[in-house]
Amino acid sequence: MKICISVSDDIAAKVDALAEELRTSRSLIYATAANQFVARYSERKEKLDKVYGPPVSAPPTPFRRMMANNIRKERGGHKW
């Protein structure tokens, strides 16, 4: 899959230099970085879920609607 991302000039230059040094593609470096980020996030999330339990699902829609209406009334009827 091809994607487009925006990175600072500084990071792009460092990735270019590293790719040249390792004789590999920039794409491989970005893909490796993304894979490592996702793996670390998953590990952290798993540890937190063990401590705090699984994420709580969103409140039922009628409850959210009621709370949103209450907030709007408190703000003078303006949408946020």
Protein backbone atom coordinates (compact mmCIF):
# COMPACT_ATOMS: atom_id res chain seq x y z
CA MET A 1 0.00 0.00 0.00
CA LYS A 2 1.21 3.47 -0.75
CA ILE A 3 0.54 6.36 1.61
CA CYS A 4 1.60 9.97 1.86
CA ILE A 5 2.95 11.44 5.09
CA SER A 6 4.37 14.79 6.11
CA VAL A 7 7.60 14.95 8.10
CA SER A 8 9.86 17.83 9.00
CA ASP A 9 12.80 18.61 6.73
CA ASP A 10 15.13 17.62 9.58
CA ILE A 11 13.62 14.13 9.92
CA ALA A 12 13.52 13.64 6.15
CA ALA A 13 17.21 14.51 5.88
CA LYS A 14 18.08 12.10 8.68
CA VAL A 15 16.07 9.31 7.06
CA ASP A 16 17.70 10.02 3.69
CA ALA A 17 21.17 9.82 5.27
CA LEU A 18 20.31 6.62 7.14
CA ALA A 19 18.85 5.00 4.03
CA GLU A 20 22.04 5.81 2.13
CA GLU A 21 24.22 4.52 4.96
CA LEU A 22 22.25 1.28 5.26
CA ARG A 23 21.83 0.99 1.48
CA THR A 24 18.11 0.54 1.83
CA SER A 25 15.00 2.44 0.88
CA ARG A 26 13.43 5.29 2.81
CA SER A 27 10.16 3.37 2.61
CA LEU A 28 11.68 0.48 4.55
CA ILE A 29 12.88 2.85 7.27
CA TYR A 30 9.47 4.52 7.60
CA ALA A 31 7.68 1.14 7.53
CA THR A 32 10.03 -0.24 10.21
CA ALA A 33 9.47 2.82 12.39
CA ALA A 34 5.69 2.49 12.00
CA ASN A 35 5.81 -1.23 12.85
CA GLN A 36 7.86 -0.55 15.98
CA PHE A 37 5.50 2.25 17.05
CA VAL A 38 2.44 0.03 16.64
CA ALA A 39 4.11 -2.83 18.53
CA ARG A 40 5.08 -0.57 21.45
CA TYR A 41 1.59 0.95 21.56
CA SER A 42 0.00 -2.51 21.58
CA GLU A 43 2.27 -3.67 24.41
CA ARG A 44 1.50 -0.59 26.51
CA LYS A 45 -2.22 -0.87 25.85
CA GLU A 46 -2.19 -4.54 26.81
CA LYS A 47 -0.41 -3.74 30.09
CA LEU A 48 -2.82 -0.91 30.89
CA ASP A 49 -5.82 -3.10 30.07
CA LYS A 50 -4.51 -5.68 32.56
CA VAL A 51 -4.30 -3.01 35.26
CA TYR A 52 -7.48 -1.03 34.52
CA GLY A 53 -9.57 -3.57 32.64
CA PRO A 54 -10.83 -3.36 29.08
CA PRO A 55 -11.94 0.00 27.69
CA VAL A 56 -15.43 1.06 28.73
CA SER A 57 -17.86 1.28 25.86
CA ALA A 58 -19.47 4.60 25.03
CA PRO A 59 -22.68 5.41 26.90
CA PRO A 60 -25.92 4.62 25.11
CA THR A 61 -26.93 7.10 22.44
CA PRO A 62 -30.01 8.46 24.29
CA PHE A 63 -27.81 9.24 27.31
CA ARG A 64 -25.23 11.05 25.15
CA ARG A 65 -28.00 13.02 23.46
CA MET A 66 -29.48 14.02 26.84
CA MET A 67 -26.06 15.12 28.14
CA ALA A 68 -25.35 17.11 24.97
CA ASN A 69 -28.73 18.87 25.30
CA ASN A 70 -28.00 19.72 28.94
CA ILE A 71 -24.63 21.18 28.02
CA ARG A 72 -26.19 23.22 25.21
CA LYS A 73 -28.79 24.61 27.61
CA GLU A 74 -26.06 25.57 30.07
CA ARG A 75 -24.22 27.38 27.29
CA GLY A 76 -27.27 29.32 26.20
CA GLY A 77 -28.31 26.99 23.37
CA HIS A 78 -25.07 27.27 21.39
CA LYS A 79 -23.60 24.18 19.75
CA TRP A 80 -20.03 23.41 20.71
